[in-house]
Amino acid sequence: MAFPHGCYIVGEVEPFKDFDASTGGRFAQTRDKQTAKLVRQVAVMAGDPTLKPAHKTVAVKILAPVQPVPSQPMPGLPFTPVEFDGMSVTPYRNATGRPAYSIKVQEMHPPRQTTQPTPTTKTGKEAT
């Protein structure tokens, strides 16, 4: 529902910095307040052709005990397609007072196959 035209990774999966706990040059990674899982972030681009360029790229926070590894890019595509499970979207107002959204997910994986297999006959050959 959030990315009906597909979603593509356009950045690296990186640990999300806990700005309060990171002090004196020491990096501390954020943990989700509800689940205590480590938080990572990845930049993704929505495939919706109707979105303005400034609205196509968003950050997705991934809550996972280990760092997710994106799948390999598909041949012929400049970006890696991705799907998310366990998504929650929290609306808020950004520093300028405009509406914004925080997107959190539980899992990141390659897109599921959506095409139906070619029907076959009893002999195992493709039906024509």
C-alpha atoms as a PDB file:
ATOM      1  CA  MET A   1       0.000   0.000   0.000  1.00  0.00           C
ATOM      2  CA  ALA A   2       2.844   2.424   0.763  1.00  0.00           C
ATOM      3  CA  PHE A   3       4.714   1.800  -2.509  1.00  0.00           C
ATOM      4  CA  PRO A   4       2.111   0.600  -5.040  1.00  0.00           C
ATOM      5  CA  HIS A   5       4.452   1.227  -8.001  1.00  0.00           C
ATOM      6  CA  GLY A   6       7.422  -0.494  -6.418  1.00  0.00           C
ATOM      7  CA  CYS A   7      10.302   0.650  -4.267  1.00  0.00           C
ATOM      8  CA  TYR A   8      14.025   0.773  -5.025  1.00  0.00           C
ATOM      9  CA  ILE A   9      17.084   1.008  -2.772  1.00  0.00           C
ATOM     10  CA  VAL A  10      19.143   4.097  -3.626  1.00  0.00           C
ATOM     11  CA  GLY A  11      21.539   4.097  -0.678  1.00  0.00           C
ATOM     12  CA  GLU A  12      23.359   1.856   1.754  1.00  0.00           C
ATOM     13  CA  VAL A  13      21.787   0.153   4.770  1.00  0.00           C
ATOM     14  CA  GLU A  14      23.429   2.014   7.639  1.00  0.00           C
ATOM     15  CA  PRO A  15      23.179   2.041  11.439  1.00  0.00           C
ATOM     16  CA  PHE A  16      20.939   4.876  12.661  1.00  0.00           C
ATOM     17  CA  LYS A  17      22.811   7.124  15.081  1.00  0.00           C
ATOM     18  CA  ASP A  18      21.495   7.716  18.595  1.00  0.00           C
ATOM     19  CA  PHE A  19      22.325  11.420  18.830  1.00  0.00           C
ATOM     20  CA  ASP A  20      21.738  11.560  22.601  1.00  0.00           C
ATOM     21  CA  ALA A  21      24.002   8.587  23.420  1.00  0.00           C
ATOM     22  CA  SER A  22      26.746   9.391  20.874  1.00  0.00           C
ATOM     23  CA  THR A  23      29.206  11.657  22.651  1.00  0.00           C
ATOM     24  CA  GLY A  24      32.888  12.494  22.512  1.00  0.00           C
ATOM     25  CA  GLY A  25      33.420  10.893  19.103  1.00  0.00           C
ATOM     26  CA  ARG A  26      31.814   7.623  20.245  1.00  0.00           C
ATOM     27  CA  PHE A  27      29.080   6.311  17.922  1.00  0.00           C
ATOM     28  CA  ALA A  28      26.000   4.758  19.527  1.00  0.00           C
ATOM     29  CA  GLN A  29      23.324   3.060  17.454  1.00  0.00           C
ATOM     30  CA  THR A  30      19.665   3.737  18.156  1.00  0.00           C
ATOM     31  CA  ARG A  31      17.415   1.020  19.567  1.00  0.00           C
ATOM     32  CA  ASP A  32      13.683   1.092  18.941  1.00  0.00           C
ATOM     33  CA  LYS A  33      11.816   2.172  22.073  1.00  0.00           C
ATOM     34  CA  GLN A  34       9.084  -0.491  21.768  1.00  0.00           C
ATOM     35  CA  THR A  35      11.059  -3.536  20.581  1.00  0.00           C
ATOM     36  CA  ALA A  36      14.639  -2.714  21.714  1.00  0.00           C
ATOM     37  CA  LYS A  37      15.829  -3.902  18.267  1.00  0.00           C
ATOM     38  CA  LEU A  38      18.705  -2.060  16.623  1.00  0.00           C
ATOM     39  CA  VAL A  39      17.628   0.556  14.083  1.00  0.00           C
ATOM     40  CA  ARG A  40      19.159   0.853  10.634  1.00  0.00           C
ATOM     41  CA  GLN A  41      18.189   3.193   7.832  1.00  0.00           C
ATOM     42  CA  VAL A  42      18.117   2.927   4.054  1.00  0.00           C
ATOM     43  CA  ALA A  43      17.180   5.495   1.422  1.00  0.00           C
ATOM     44  CA  VAL A  44      14.573   4.243  -1.050  1.00  0.00           C
ATOM     45  CA  MET A  45      12.871   5.716  -4.085  1.00  0.00           C
ATOM     46  CA  ALA A  46       9.191   5.211  -4.796  1.00  0.00           C
ATOM     47  CA  GLY A  47       8.446   4.101  -8.350  1.00  0.00           C
ATOM     48  CA  ASP A  48       5.303   6.249  -8.590  1.00  0.00           C
ATOM     49  CA  PRO A  49       5.608   8.386 -11.758  1.00  0.00           C
ATOM     50  CA  THR A  50       3.092  10.938 -10.430  1.00  0.00           C
ATOM     51  CA  LEU A  51       5.228  11.980  -7.439  1.00  0.00           C
ATOM     52  CA  LYS A  52       7.281  15.157  -7.592  1.00  0.00           C
ATOM     53  CA  PRO A  53      11.040  14.441  -7.603  1.00  0.00           C
ATOM     54  CA  ALA A  54      11.445  15.891  -4.087  1.00  0.00           C
ATOM     55  CA  HIS A  55       8.878  13.394  -2.748  1.00  0.00           C
ATOM     56  CA  LYS A  56      10.207  10.234  -4.425  1.00  0.00           C
ATOM     57  CA  THR A  57      13.080   9.468  -2.035  1.00  0.00           C
ATOM     58  CA  VAL A  58      12.395   8.637   1.610  1.00  0.00           C
ATOM     59  CA  ALA A  59      14.288   7.065   4.496  1.00  0.00           C
ATOM     60  CA  VAL A  60      13.038   3.738   5.837  1.00  0.00           C
ATOM     61  CA  LYS A  61      14.081   2.599   9.305  1.00  0.00           C
ATOM     62  CA  ILE A  62      14.620  -1.152   9.635  1.00  0.00           C
ATOM     63  CA  LEU A  63      14.214  -2.708  13.098  1.00  0.00           C
ATOM     64  CA  ALA A  64      16.240  -5.900  13.151  1.00  0.00           C
ATOM     65  CA  PRO A  65      18.660  -7.756  15.440  1.00  0.00           C
ATOM     66  CA  VAL A  66      21.201  -8.096  12.584  1.00  0.00           C
ATOM     67  CA  GLN A  67      21.964  -5.813   9.656  1.00  0.00           C
ATOM     68  CA  PRO A  68      19.850  -6.714   6.603  1.00  0.00           C
ATOM     69  CA  VAL A  69      21.706  -7.245   3.341  1.00  0.00           C
ATOM     70  CA  PRO A  70      20.017  -6.015   0.161  1.00  0.00           C
ATOM     71  CA  SER A  71      19.647  -8.454  -2.708  1.00  0.00           C
ATOM     72  CA  GLN A  72      21.827  -8.084  -5.792  1.00  0.00           C
ATOM     73  CA  PRO A  73      20.656  -5.529  -8.369  1.00  0.00           C
ATOM     74  CA  MET A  74      18.562  -6.978 -11.172  1.00  0.00           C
ATOM     75  CA  PRO A  75      20.234  -6.938 -14.611  1.00  0.00           C
ATOM     76  CA  GLY A  76      19.231  -3.886 -16.612  1.00  0.00           C
ATOM     77  CA  LEU A  77      17.955  -1.871 -13.630  1.00  0.00           C
ATOM     78  CA  PRO A  78      19.900   1.055 -12.134  1.00  0.00           C
ATOM     79  CA  PHE A  79      18.476   0.440  -8.639  1.00  0.00           C
ATOM     80  CA  THR A  80      17.740  -2.629  -6.505  1.00  0.00           C
ATOM     81  CA  PRO A  81      14.007  -3.388  -6.121  1.00  0.00           C
ATOM     82  CA  VAL A  82      12.931  -4.113  -2.548  1.00  0.00           C
ATOM     83  CA  GLU A  83       9.837  -4.968  -0.492  1.00  0.00           C
ATOM     84  CA  PHE A  84       9.202  -4.466   3.205  1.00  0.00           C
ATOM     85  CA  ASP A  85       7.108  -6.387   5.746  1.00  0.00           C
ATOM     86  CA  GLY A  86       5.805  -5.269   9.129  1.00  0.00           C
ATOM     87  CA  MET A  87       5.555  -1.610   8.098  1.00  0.00           C
ATOM     88  CA  SER A  88       4.286   1.165  10.335  1.00  0.00           C
ATOM     89  CA  VAL A  89       3.959   4.795   9.281  1.00  0.00           C
ATOM     90  CA  THR A  90       3.894   7.557  11.890  1.00  0.00           C
ATOM     91  CA  PRO A  91       2.870  11.057  10.791  1.00  0.00           C
ATOM     92  CA  TYR A  92       4.505  14.092  12.407  1.00  0.00           C
ATOM     93  CA  ARG A  93       5.321  17.748  11.682  1.00  0.00           C
ATOM     94  CA  ASN A  94       8.889  18.469  10.602  1.00  0.00           C
ATOM     95  CA  ALA A  95      10.983  21.457  11.725  1.00  0.00           C
ATOM     96  CA  THR A  96       9.248  23.719   9.199  1.00  0.00           C
ATOM     97  CA  GLY A  97       5.785  22.628  10.383  1.00  0.00           C
ATOM     98  CA  ARG A  98       5.018  20.595   7.263  1.00  0.00           C
ATOM     99  CA  PRO A  99       3.518  17.111   7.499  1.00  0.00           C
ATOM    100  CA  ALA A 100       6.102  14.314   7.320  1.00  0.00           C
ATOM    101  CA  TYR A 101       6.180  10.556   7.959  1.00  0.00           C
ATOM    102  CA  SER A 102       8.453   8.174   9.790  1.00  0.00           C
ATOM    103  CA  ILE A 103       8.477   4.737   8.125  1.00  0.00           C
ATOM    104  CA  LYS A 104       9.572   1.721  10.197  1.00  0.00           C
ATOM    105  CA  VAL A 105       9.712  -1.872   8.958  1.00  0.00           C
ATOM    106  CA  GLN A 106      10.494  -5.272  10.466  1.00  0.00           C
ATOM    107  CA  GLU A 107      11.896  -6.958   7.341  1.00  0.00           C
ATOM    108  CA  MET A 108      13.475  -6.091   4.001  1.00  0.00           C
ATOM    109  CA  HIS A 109      13.546  -8.631   1.155  1.00  0.00           C
ATOM    110  CA  PRO A 110      13.624  -8.905  -2.655  1.00  0.00           C
ATOM    111  CA  PRO A 111      10.259  -8.383  -4.382  1.00  0.00           C
ATOM    112  CA  ARG A 112       8.026 -11.424  -4.551  1.00  0.00           C
ATOM    113  CA  GLN A 113       7.281 -12.864  -7.969  1.00  0.00           C
ATOM    114  CA  THR A 114       3.916 -11.436  -9.065  1.00  0.00           C
ATOM    115  CA  THR A 115       3.527 -13.019 -12.497  1.00  0.00           C
ATOM    116  CA  GLN A 116       1.643 -16.261 -12.864  1.00  0.00           C
ATOM    117  CA  PRO A 117       3.535 -19.270 -14.226  1.00  0.00           C
ATOM    118  CA  THR A 118       2.784 -20.280 -17.796  1.00  0.00           C
ATOM    119  CA  PRO A 119       0.066 -22.970 -17.868  1.00  0.00           C
ATOM    120  CA  THR A 120       1.329 -26.393 -18.908  1.00  0.00           C
ATOM    121  CA  THR A 121      -0.383 -29.427 -20.385  1.00  0.00           C
ATOM    122  CA  LYS A 122      -0.346 -32.915 -18.889  1.00  0.00           C
ATOM    123  CA  THR A 123       2.823 -33.644 -20.918  1.00  0.00           C
ATOM    124  CA  GLY A 124       4.625 -30.779 -19.147  1.00  0.00           C
ATOM    125  CA  LYS A 125       4.813 -28.580 -22.260  1.00  0.00           C
ATOM    126  CA  GLU A 126       3.582 -25.015 -22.361  1.00  0.00           C
ATOM    127  CA  ALA A 127      -0.034 -24.664 -23.437  1.00  0.00           C
ATOM    128  CA  THR A 128      -0.511 -22.587 -26.581  1.00  0.00           C
END
